[in-house]
Amino acid sequence: MMIQVFYKTGTHDMVKTETLNNLLVTGVIDQFKRATGWVKVGRDRIRNIPEDKYPESFDRRHHAD
């Protein structure tokens, strides 16, 4: 399944579900589209990503807007 995303750079793309998960972990996604509408990362509720899936250098506190 392909999902529409907007990156923090302002560009947009269509990505696979697995790719979306990786992009969310790295903090480069600003918004992505669900069936119910657009989700703003850092504002809207998204599923939990296990701590061990975050790169060691990734600090989530600095990626939420």
N, C-alpha and C. Protein backbone atom coordinates (compact mmCIF):
# COMPACT_ATOMS: atom_id res chain seq x y z
N MET A 1 0.84 -1.18 0.00
CA MET A 1 0.00 0.00 0.00
C MET A 1 0.88 1.24 0.00
N MET A 2 0.53 2.22 -0.80
CA MET A 2 1.29 3.46 -0.89
C MET A 2 0.59 4.55 -0.08
N ILE A 3 1.39 5.33 0.63
CA ILE A 3 0.87 6.37 1.52
C ILE A 3 1.48 7.71 1.12
N GLN A 4 0.63 8.74 1.04
CA GLN A 4 1.12 10.09 0.76
C GLN A 4 1.81 10.65 1.99
N VAL A 5 2.97 11.29 1.79
CA VAL A 5 3.69 11.92 2.89
C VAL A 5 4.16 13.31 2.47
N PHE A 6 4.30 14.19 3.46
CA PHE A 6 4.97 15.47 3.30
C PHE A 6 6.18 15.44 4.22
N TYR A 7 7.33 15.73 3.65
CA TYR A 7 8.56 15.79 4.44
C TYR A 7 8.67 17.15 5.10
N LYS A 8 9.52 17.26 6.11
CA LYS A 8 9.75 18.53 6.79
C LYS A 8 10.37 19.56 5.86
N THR A 9 10.94 19.10 4.75
CA THR A 9 11.53 20.01 3.77
C THR A 9 10.48 20.66 2.88
N GLY A 10 9.22 20.18 2.98
CA GLY A 10 8.14 20.72 2.17
C GLY A 10 7.85 19.91 0.92
N THR A 11 8.69 18.93 0.62
CA THR A 11 8.44 18.08 -0.54
C THR A 11 7.46 16.97 -0.17
N HIS A 12 6.88 16.36 -1.18
CA HIS A 12 5.92 15.29 -0.92
C HIS A 12 6.28 14.06 -1.74
N ASP A 13 5.68 12.92 -1.36
CA ASP A 13 6.03 11.66 -1.99
C ASP A 13 4.96 10.63 -1.68
N MET A 14 5.04 9.50 -2.34
CA MET A 14 4.23 8.33 -2.04
C MET A 14 5.21 7.25 -1.60
N VAL A 15 4.98 6.65 -0.43
CA VAL A 15 5.90 5.64 0.10
C VAL A 15 5.14 4.40 0.54
N LYS A 16 5.85 3.28 0.61
CA LYS A 16 5.27 2.04 1.11
C LYS A 16 5.14 2.13 2.63
N THR A 17 4.26 1.31 3.18
CA THR A 17 4.02 1.30 4.62
C THR A 17 5.31 1.08 5.41
N GLU A 18 6.13 0.12 4.97
CA GLU A 18 7.39 -0.16 5.67
C GLU A 18 8.31 1.05 5.66
N THR A 19 8.31 1.76 4.54
CA THR A 19 9.15 2.95 4.42
C THR A 19 8.64 4.05 5.33
N LEU A 20 7.33 4.20 5.44
CA LEU A 20 6.76 5.21 6.33
C LEU A 20 7.24 4.98 7.76
N ASN A 21 7.22 3.75 8.22
CA ASN A 21 7.69 3.45 9.57
C ASN A 21 9.13 3.91 9.77
N ASN A 22 9.99 3.62 8.82
CA ASN A 22 11.39 4.05 8.93
C ASN A 22 11.52 5.57 8.90
N LEU A 23 10.74 6.23 8.07
CA LEU A 23 10.79 7.69 7.99
C LEU A 23 10.28 8.33 9.28
N LEU A 24 9.27 7.74 9.89
CA LEU A 24 8.77 8.25 11.17
C LEU A 24 9.84 8.13 12.25
N VAL A 25 10.54 7.03 12.27
CA VAL A 25 11.59 6.81 13.26
C VAL A 25 12.72 7.82 13.10
N THR A 26 13.07 8.15 11.87
CA THR A 26 14.18 9.08 11.65
C THR A 26 13.77 10.54 11.77
N GLY A 27 12.46 10.81 11.87
CA GLY A 27 12.00 12.17 12.12
C GLY A 27 11.97 13.10 10.93
N VAL A 28 11.91 12.56 9.72
CA VAL A 28 11.92 13.42 8.53
C VAL A 28 10.53 13.73 7.98
N ILE A 29 9.51 13.08 8.52
CA ILE A 29 8.14 13.26 8.02
C ILE A 29 7.42 14.33 8.83
N ASP A 30 6.75 15.24 8.13
CA ASP A 30 5.92 16.26 8.77
C ASP A 30 4.48 15.78 8.88
N GLN A 31 3.96 15.19 7.79
CA GLN A 31 2.57 14.72 7.75
C GLN A 31 2.47 13.48 6.87
N PHE A 32 1.49 12.64 7.15
CA PHE A 32 1.15 11.55 6.24
C PHE A 32 -0.35 11.39 6.23
N LYS A 33 -0.86 10.78 5.16
CA LYS A 33 -2.31 10.70 4.98
C LYS A 33 -2.84 9.32 5.36
N ARG A 34 -3.83 9.32 6.23
CA ARG A 34 -4.59 8.13 6.58
C ARG A 34 -5.92 8.18 5.84
N ALA A 35 -6.67 7.09 5.92
CA ALA A 35 -8.01 7.07 5.32
C ALA A 35 -8.89 8.16 5.93
N THR A 36 -8.63 8.51 7.19
CA THR A 36 -9.44 9.51 7.90
C THR A 36 -8.95 10.94 7.72
N GLY A 37 -7.81 11.12 7.03
CA GLY A 37 -7.28 12.46 6.79
C GLY A 37 -5.80 12.55 7.09
N TRP A 38 -5.29 13.77 7.06
CA TRP A 38 -3.86 14.01 7.28
C TRP A 38 -3.50 13.93 8.75
N VAL A 39 -2.35 13.32 9.04
CA VAL A 39 -1.83 13.19 10.40
C VAL A 39 -0.59 14.06 10.50
N LYS A 40 -0.57 14.96 11.46
CA LYS A 40 0.58 15.84 11.71
C LYS A 40 1.44 15.17 12.77
N VAL A 41 2.66 14.79 12.39
CA VAL A 41 3.58 14.11 13.30
C VAL A 41 3.96 15.07 14.43
N GLY A 42 3.89 14.59 15.65
CA GLY A 42 4.20 15.42 16.81
C GLY A 42 2.98 16.09 17.40
N ARG A 43 1.87 16.08 16.68
CA ARG A 43 0.62 16.67 17.17
C ARG A 43 -0.46 15.61 17.30
N ASP A 44 -0.64 14.83 16.24
CA ASP A 44 -1.69 13.81 16.22
C ASP A 44 -1.16 12.48 16.75
N ARG A 45 -2.08 11.70 17.21
CA ARG A 45 -1.74 10.40 17.79
C ARG A 45 -1.33 9.42 16.68
N ILE A 46 -0.18 8.79 16.86
CA ILE A 46 0.24 7.71 15.97
C ILE A 46 0.62 6.52 16.82
N ARG A 47 0.68 5.36 16.18
CA ARG A 47 0.99 4.15 16.95
C ARG A 47 2.38 4.26 17.56
N ASN A 48 2.58 3.53 18.64
CA ASN A 48 3.87 3.53 19.31
C ASN A 48 4.90 2.76 18.49
N ILE A 49 6.10 3.28 18.43
CA ILE A 49 7.21 2.59 17.79
C ILE A 49 8.12 2.14 18.93
N PRO A 50 8.41 0.83 19.01
CA PRO A 50 9.24 0.32 20.11
C PRO A 50 10.57 1.06 20.20
N GLU A 51 11.02 1.28 21.43
CA GLU A 51 12.27 2.01 21.68
C GLU A 51 13.45 1.42 20.91
N ASP A 52 13.50 0.09 20.79
CA ASP A 52 14.64 -0.52 20.13
C ASP A 52 14.65 -0.31 18.62
N LYS A 53 13.60 0.28 18.07
CA LYS A 53 13.54 0.56 16.63
C LYS A 53 14.10 1.94 16.30
N TYR A 54 14.35 2.78 17.32
CA TYR A 54 14.90 4.10 17.09
C TYR A 54 16.42 4.00 16.95
N PRO A 55 16.99 4.71 15.99
CA PRO A 55 18.45 4.74 15.89
C PRO A 55 19.03 5.30 17.19
N GLU A 56 20.22 4.86 17.56
CA GLU A 56 20.83 5.28 18.82
C GLU A 56 20.97 6.79 18.93
N SER A 57 21.23 7.46 17.81
CA SER A 57 21.43 8.91 17.83
C SER A 57 20.14 9.71 17.77
N PHE A 58 19.00 9.04 17.65
CA PHE A 58 17.71 9.72 17.48
C PHE A 58 17.14 10.12 18.83
N ASP A 59 16.88 11.40 19.02
CA ASP A 59 16.29 11.91 20.25
C ASP A 59 14.90 12.43 19.91
N ARG A 60 13.86 11.68 20.26
CA ARG A 60 12.49 12.04 19.89
C ARG A 60 12.06 13.39 20.45
N ARG A 61 12.62 13.81 21.57
CA ARG A 61 12.21 15.09 22.16
C ARG A 61 12.51 16.26 21.23
N HIS A 62 13.50 16.12 20.37
CA HIS A 62 13.87 17.21 19.47
C HIS A 62 13.21 17.09 18.10
N HIS A 63 12.36 16.10 17.91
CA HIS A 63 11.72 15.91 16.61
C HIS A 63 10.23 16.21 16.63
N ALA A 64 9.65 16.40 17.77
CA ALA A 64 8.22 16.76 17.83
C ALA A 64 8.09 18.27 17.70
N ASP A 65 7.19 18.71 16.84
CA ASP A 65 7.00 20.16 16.64
C ASP A 65 6.09 20.76 17.67
